[in-house]
Amino acid sequence: MIKSEAIKNILQDDSFTEALDQLVKTHLDMLINSDVDDKLAREICYMRITTINEIMAHLQSIADDKKINDNKWKI
């Protein structure tokens, strides 16, 4: 079972978030500096950035799951 508290701690780790931010920035730089004719390189950069964003969104949803369940019964 995935522990939402453990995922929350990972997302709050400055080193983890900084590493992923640098990874996105690297791919954005590659995208910006690619040749006009290099469609494949731009597509790969876009897919990698999208993948990172999807992973982060998924982890955030896991981390928020406990908060959502705790607040569900307070209504």
C-alpha atoms as a PDB file:
ATOM      1  CA  MET A   1       0.000   0.000   0.000  1.00  0.00           C
ATOM      2  CA  ILE A   2       1.238   3.468  -0.874  1.00  0.00           C
ATOM      3  CA  LYS A   3       1.603   5.686   2.167  1.00  0.00           C
ATOM      4  CA  SER A   4       0.414   9.195   1.376  1.00  0.00           C
ATOM      5  CA  GLU A   5       2.497  10.632   4.220  1.00  0.00           C
ATOM      6  CA  ALA A   6       5.702   9.197   2.730  1.00  0.00           C
ATOM      7  CA  ILE A   7       4.863  10.656  -0.691  1.00  0.00           C
ATOM      8  CA  LYS A   8       4.088  14.005   0.945  1.00  0.00           C
ATOM      9  CA  ASN A   9       7.535  13.985   2.579  1.00  0.00           C
ATOM     10  CA  ILE A  10       9.181  13.285  -0.785  1.00  0.00           C
ATOM     11  CA  LEU A  11       7.317  16.171  -2.411  1.00  0.00           C
ATOM     12  CA  GLN A  12       8.412  18.480   0.393  1.00  0.00           C
ATOM     13  CA  ASP A  13      12.068  17.505  -0.009  1.00  0.00           C
ATOM     14  CA  ASP A  14      13.851  20.511  -1.508  1.00  0.00           C
ATOM     15  CA  SER A  15      16.508  18.371  -3.182  1.00  0.00           C
ATOM     16  CA  PHE A  16      13.884  16.255  -4.953  1.00  0.00           C
ATOM     17  CA  THR A  17      11.882  19.221  -6.214  1.00  0.00           C
ATOM     18  CA  GLU A  18      15.021  21.083  -7.257  1.00  0.00           C
ATOM     19  CA  ALA A  19      16.287  18.053  -9.181  1.00  0.00           C
ATOM     20  CA  LEU A  20      13.010  17.738 -11.076  1.00  0.00           C
ATOM     21  CA  ASP A  21      12.896  21.481 -11.729  1.00  0.00           C
ATOM     22  CA  GLN A  22      16.421  21.303 -13.169  1.00  0.00           C
ATOM     23  CA  LEU A  23      15.404  18.354 -15.332  1.00  0.00           C
ATOM     24  CA  VAL A  24      12.454  20.304 -16.741  1.00  0.00           C
ATOM     25  CA  LYS A  25      14.666  23.355 -17.283  1.00  0.00           C
ATOM     26  CA  THR A  26      17.246  21.250 -19.131  1.00  0.00           C
ATOM     27  CA  HIS A  27      14.588  19.928 -21.484  1.00  0.00           C
ATOM     28  CA  LEU A  28      13.087  23.387 -21.975  1.00  0.00           C
ATOM     29  CA  ASP A  29      16.538  24.696 -22.903  1.00  0.00           C
ATOM     30  CA  MET A  30      16.971  21.823 -25.357  1.00  0.00           C
ATOM     31  CA  LEU A  31      13.554  22.616 -26.823  1.00  0.00           C
ATOM     32  CA  ILE A  32      14.304  26.330 -27.157  1.00  0.00           C
ATOM     33  CA  ASN A  33      17.734  25.764 -28.669  1.00  0.00           C
ATOM     34  CA  SER A  34      16.697  23.038 -31.112  1.00  0.00           C
ATOM     35  CA  ASP A  35      16.903  23.556 -34.852  1.00  0.00           C
ATOM     36  CA  VAL A  36      13.747  24.511 -36.677  1.00  0.00           C
ATOM     37  CA  ASP A  37      13.984  21.317 -38.723  1.00  0.00           C
ATOM     38  CA  ASP A  38      14.588  19.054 -35.704  1.00  0.00           C
ATOM     39  CA  LYS A  39      10.969  18.149 -35.025  1.00  0.00           C
ATOM     40  CA  LEU A  40      11.847  14.818 -33.385  1.00  0.00           C
ATOM     41  CA  ALA A  41      14.130  16.426 -30.770  1.00  0.00           C
ATOM     42  CA  ARG A  42      11.446  18.967 -29.853  1.00  0.00           C
ATOM     43  CA  GLU A  43       8.806  16.248 -29.618  1.00  0.00           C
ATOM     44  CA  ILE A  44      11.018  14.159 -27.316  1.00  0.00           C
ATOM     45  CA  CYS A  45      11.675  17.162 -25.051  1.00  0.00           C
ATOM     46  CA  TYR A  46       7.958  17.923 -24.922  1.00  0.00           C
ATOM     47  CA  MET A  47       7.096  14.316 -24.047  1.00  0.00           C
ATOM     48  CA  ARG A  48       9.709  14.237 -21.274  1.00  0.00           C
ATOM     49  CA  ILE A  49       8.477  17.480 -19.736  1.00  0.00           C
ATOM     50  CA  THR A  50       4.893  16.225 -19.928  1.00  0.00           C
ATOM     51  CA  THR A  51       5.900  12.951 -18.280  1.00  0.00           C
ATOM     52  CA  ILE A  52       7.615  14.751 -15.401  1.00  0.00           C
ATOM     53  CA  ASN A  53       4.534  16.936 -14.898  1.00  0.00           C
ATOM     54  CA  GLU A  54       2.238  13.905 -14.932  1.00  0.00           C
ATOM     55  CA  ILE A  55       4.401  12.072 -12.388  1.00  0.00           C
ATOM     56  CA  MET A  56       4.426  15.100 -10.091  1.00  0.00           C
ATOM     57  CA  ALA A  57       0.641  15.494 -10.415  1.00  0.00           C
ATOM     58  CA  HIS A  58       0.137  11.812  -9.623  1.00  0.00           C
ATOM     59  CA  LEU A  59       2.388  12.000  -6.565  1.00  0.00           C
ATOM     60  CA  GLN A  60       0.588  15.156  -5.413  1.00  0.00           C
ATOM     61  CA  SER A  61      -2.775  13.421  -5.731  1.00  0.00           C
ATOM     62  CA  ILE A  62      -1.499  10.550  -3.590  1.00  0.00           C
ATOM     63  CA  ALA A  63      -0.186  13.000  -0.995  1.00  0.00           C
ATOM     64  CA  ASP A  64      -3.510  14.880  -0.954  1.00  0.00           C
ATOM     65  CA  ASP A  65      -5.533  11.674  -0.612  1.00  0.00           C
ATOM     66  CA  LYS A  66      -5.155  11.584   3.167  1.00  0.00           C
ATOM     67  CA  LYS A  67      -6.111  15.245   3.495  1.00  0.00           C
ATOM     68  CA  ILE A  68      -9.178  14.694   1.324  1.00  0.00           C
ATOM     69  CA  ASN A  69     -10.251  11.624   3.310  1.00  0.00           C
ATOM     70  CA  ASP A  70      -9.719  13.424   6.632  1.00  0.00           C
ATOM     71  CA  ASN A  71     -11.857  16.370   5.520  1.00  0.00           C
ATOM     72  CA  LYS A  72     -14.546  14.212   3.924  1.00  0.00           C
ATOM     73  CA  TRP A  73     -16.141  13.436   7.266  1.00  0.00           C
ATOM     74  CA  LYS A  74     -16.075  17.014   8.560  1.00  0.00           C
ATOM     75  CA  ILE A  75     -18.893  18.172   6.287  1.00  0.00           C
END
